[in-house]
Amino acid sequence: MAPRFWTLEQRIQQSEAIRRWMPWRASSGPKTAEGKATASQNAIKHGGRGSTAQQLEKLLSLMKRDRVAVDKSLNDRDK
């Protein structure tokens, strides 16, 4: 299906209609445990910014720093 292209006038009309309808007022969120579990994951897109990924990135950075230090130490010892 091709995407819809809105004119500026159509966008303004749609915006006003949505403000009149206020669909967010009828939203009450998930009721079941399954729905709540699913909704809790809504903000996760790919995990690249999640806390686990950030911890892994920090760990890898520390490992790289330590590896550089060990390599330097070994090179200094061999001279």
C-alpha atoms as a PDB file:
ATOM      1  CA  MET A   1       0.000   0.000   0.000  1.00  0.00           C
ATOM      2  CA  ALA A   2       1.382   3.379  -0.991  1.00  0.00           C
ATOM      3  CA  PRO A   3       1.834   5.974   1.755  1.00  0.00           C
ATOM      4  CA  ARG A   4      -0.670   8.772   1.945  1.00  0.00           C
ATOM      5  CA  PHE A   5       0.553  12.277   1.204  1.00  0.00           C
ATOM      6  CA  TRP A   6      -1.317  14.967   3.129  1.00  0.00           C
ATOM      7  CA  THR A   7      -1.634  18.534   1.992  1.00  0.00           C
ATOM      8  CA  LEU A   8      -1.038  21.233   4.563  1.00  0.00           C
ATOM      9  CA  GLU A   9      -4.785  21.948   4.652  1.00  0.00           C
ATOM     10  CA  GLN A  10      -5.590  18.256   5.215  1.00  0.00           C
ATOM     11  CA  ARG A  11      -3.037  18.041   8.021  1.00  0.00           C
ATOM     12  CA  ILE A  12      -4.552  21.068   9.749  1.00  0.00           C
ATOM     13  CA  GLN A  13      -8.087  19.664   9.386  1.00  0.00           C
ATOM     14  CA  GLN A  14      -6.987  16.260  10.716  1.00  0.00           C
ATOM     15  CA  SER A  15      -5.187  17.880  13.635  1.00  0.00           C
ATOM     16  CA  GLU A  16      -8.289  19.875  14.562  1.00  0.00           C
ATOM     17  CA  ALA A  17     -10.519  16.791  14.241  1.00  0.00           C
ATOM     18  CA  ILE A  18      -8.264  14.760  16.516  1.00  0.00           C
ATOM     19  CA  ARG A  19      -8.257  17.549  19.090  1.00  0.00           C
ATOM     20  CA  ARG A  20     -12.073  17.497  19.017  1.00  0.00           C
ATOM     21  CA  TRP A  21     -12.297  13.693  19.262  1.00  0.00           C
ATOM     22  CA  MET A  22      -9.627  13.441  21.990  1.00  0.00           C
ATOM     23  CA  PRO A  23      -9.118   9.689  21.466  1.00  0.00           C
ATOM     24  CA  TRP A  24      -6.496   9.585  24.232  1.00  0.00           C
ATOM     25  CA  ARG A  25      -9.219  10.157  26.833  1.00  0.00           C
ATOM     26  CA  ALA A  26     -10.820   6.806  26.011  1.00  0.00           C
ATOM     27  CA  SER A  27      -7.514   4.977  26.293  1.00  0.00           C
ATOM     28  CA  SER A  28      -7.272   3.019  29.508  1.00  0.00           C
ATOM     29  CA  GLY A  29      -4.231   0.872  28.848  1.00  0.00           C
ATOM     30  CA  PRO A  30      -3.815  -2.884  29.022  1.00  0.00           C
ATOM     31  CA  LYS A  31      -5.961  -4.875  31.447  1.00  0.00           C
ATOM     32  CA  THR A  32      -4.476  -8.384  31.341  1.00  0.00           C
ATOM     33  CA  ALA A  33      -1.062  -9.450  32.583  1.00  0.00           C
ATOM     34  CA  GLU A  34      -0.155 -10.466  29.033  1.00  0.00           C
ATOM     35  CA  GLY A  35      -1.186  -7.041  27.708  1.00  0.00           C
ATOM     36  CA  LYS A  36       0.770  -5.274  30.416  1.00  0.00           C
ATOM     37  CA  ALA A  37       3.849  -7.362  29.646  1.00  0.00           C
ATOM     38  CA  THR A  38       3.561  -6.501  25.963  1.00  0.00           C
ATOM     39  CA  ALA A  39       3.004  -2.800  26.661  1.00  0.00           C
ATOM     40  CA  SER A  40       6.042  -2.679  28.935  1.00  0.00           C
ATOM     41  CA  GLN A  41       8.185  -3.459  25.878  1.00  0.00           C
ATOM     42  CA  ASN A  42       6.718  -0.702  23.670  1.00  0.00           C
ATOM     43  CA  ALA A  43       9.679   1.635  23.999  1.00  0.00           C
ATOM     44  CA  ILE A  44      12.213  -1.054  23.115  1.00  0.00           C
ATOM     45  CA  LYS A  45      13.080  -0.891  19.446  1.00  0.00           C
ATOM     46  CA  HIS A  46      16.352  -2.703  19.037  1.00  0.00           C
ATOM     47  CA  GLY A  47      18.042  -2.738  22.419  1.00  0.00           C
ATOM     48  CA  GLY A  48      20.916  -0.519  21.325  1.00  0.00           C
ATOM     49  CA  ARG A  49      20.150   2.023  23.999  1.00  0.00           C
ATOM     50  CA  GLY A  50      18.999  -0.324  26.746  1.00  0.00           C
ATOM     51  CA  SER A  51      20.806  -0.609  30.065  1.00  0.00           C
ATOM     52  CA  THR A  52      22.215  -4.043  29.204  1.00  0.00           C
ATOM     53  CA  ALA A  53      23.733  -2.718  25.987  1.00  0.00           C
ATOM     54  CA  GLN A  54      25.181   0.271  27.844  1.00  0.00           C
ATOM     55  CA  GLN A  55      26.728  -2.012  30.465  1.00  0.00           C
ATOM     56  CA  LEU A  56      28.208  -4.205  27.727  1.00  0.00           C
ATOM     57  CA  GLU A  57      29.637  -1.166  25.954  1.00  0.00           C
ATOM     58  CA  LYS A  58      31.257   0.026  29.194  1.00  0.00           C
ATOM     59  CA  LEU A  59      32.681  -3.427  29.876  1.00  0.00           C
ATOM     60  CA  LEU A  60      34.123  -3.676  26.370  1.00  0.00           C
ATOM     61  CA  SER A  61      35.664  -0.230  26.751  1.00  0.00           C
ATOM     62  CA  LEU A  62      37.319  -1.265  30.033  1.00  0.00           C
ATOM     63  CA  MET A  63      38.580  -4.495  28.469  1.00  0.00           C
ATOM     64  CA  LYS A  64      40.073  -2.572  25.542  1.00  0.00           C
ATOM     65  CA  ARG A  65      41.765  -0.132  27.928  1.00  0.00           C
ATOM     66  CA  ASP A  66      43.216  -3.033  29.947  1.00  0.00           C
ATOM     67  CA  ARG A  67      44.363  -4.816  26.797  1.00  0.00           C
ATOM     68  CA  VAL A  68      46.190  -1.700  25.626  1.00  0.00           C
ATOM     69  CA  ALA A  69      47.882  -1.440  29.034  1.00  0.00           C
ATOM     70  CA  VAL A  70      48.935  -5.113  28.970  1.00  0.00           C
ATOM     71  CA  ASP A  71      50.269  -4.813  25.420  1.00  0.00           C
ATOM     72  CA  LYS A  72      52.261  -1.723  26.390  1.00  0.00           C
ATOM     73  CA  SER A  73      53.640  -3.496  29.438  1.00  0.00           C
ATOM     74  CA  LEU A  74      54.681  -6.510  27.376  1.00  0.00           C
ATOM     75  CA  ASN A  75      56.300  -4.313  24.733  1.00  0.00           C
ATOM     76  CA  ASP A  76      58.231  -2.384  27.391  1.00  0.00           C
ATOM     77  CA  ARG A  77      59.405  -5.659  28.967  1.00  0.00           C
ATOM     78  CA  ASP A  78      60.664  -7.017  25.632  1.00  0.00           C
ATOM     79  CA  LYS A  79      62.850  -3.954  24.971  1.00  0.00           C
END
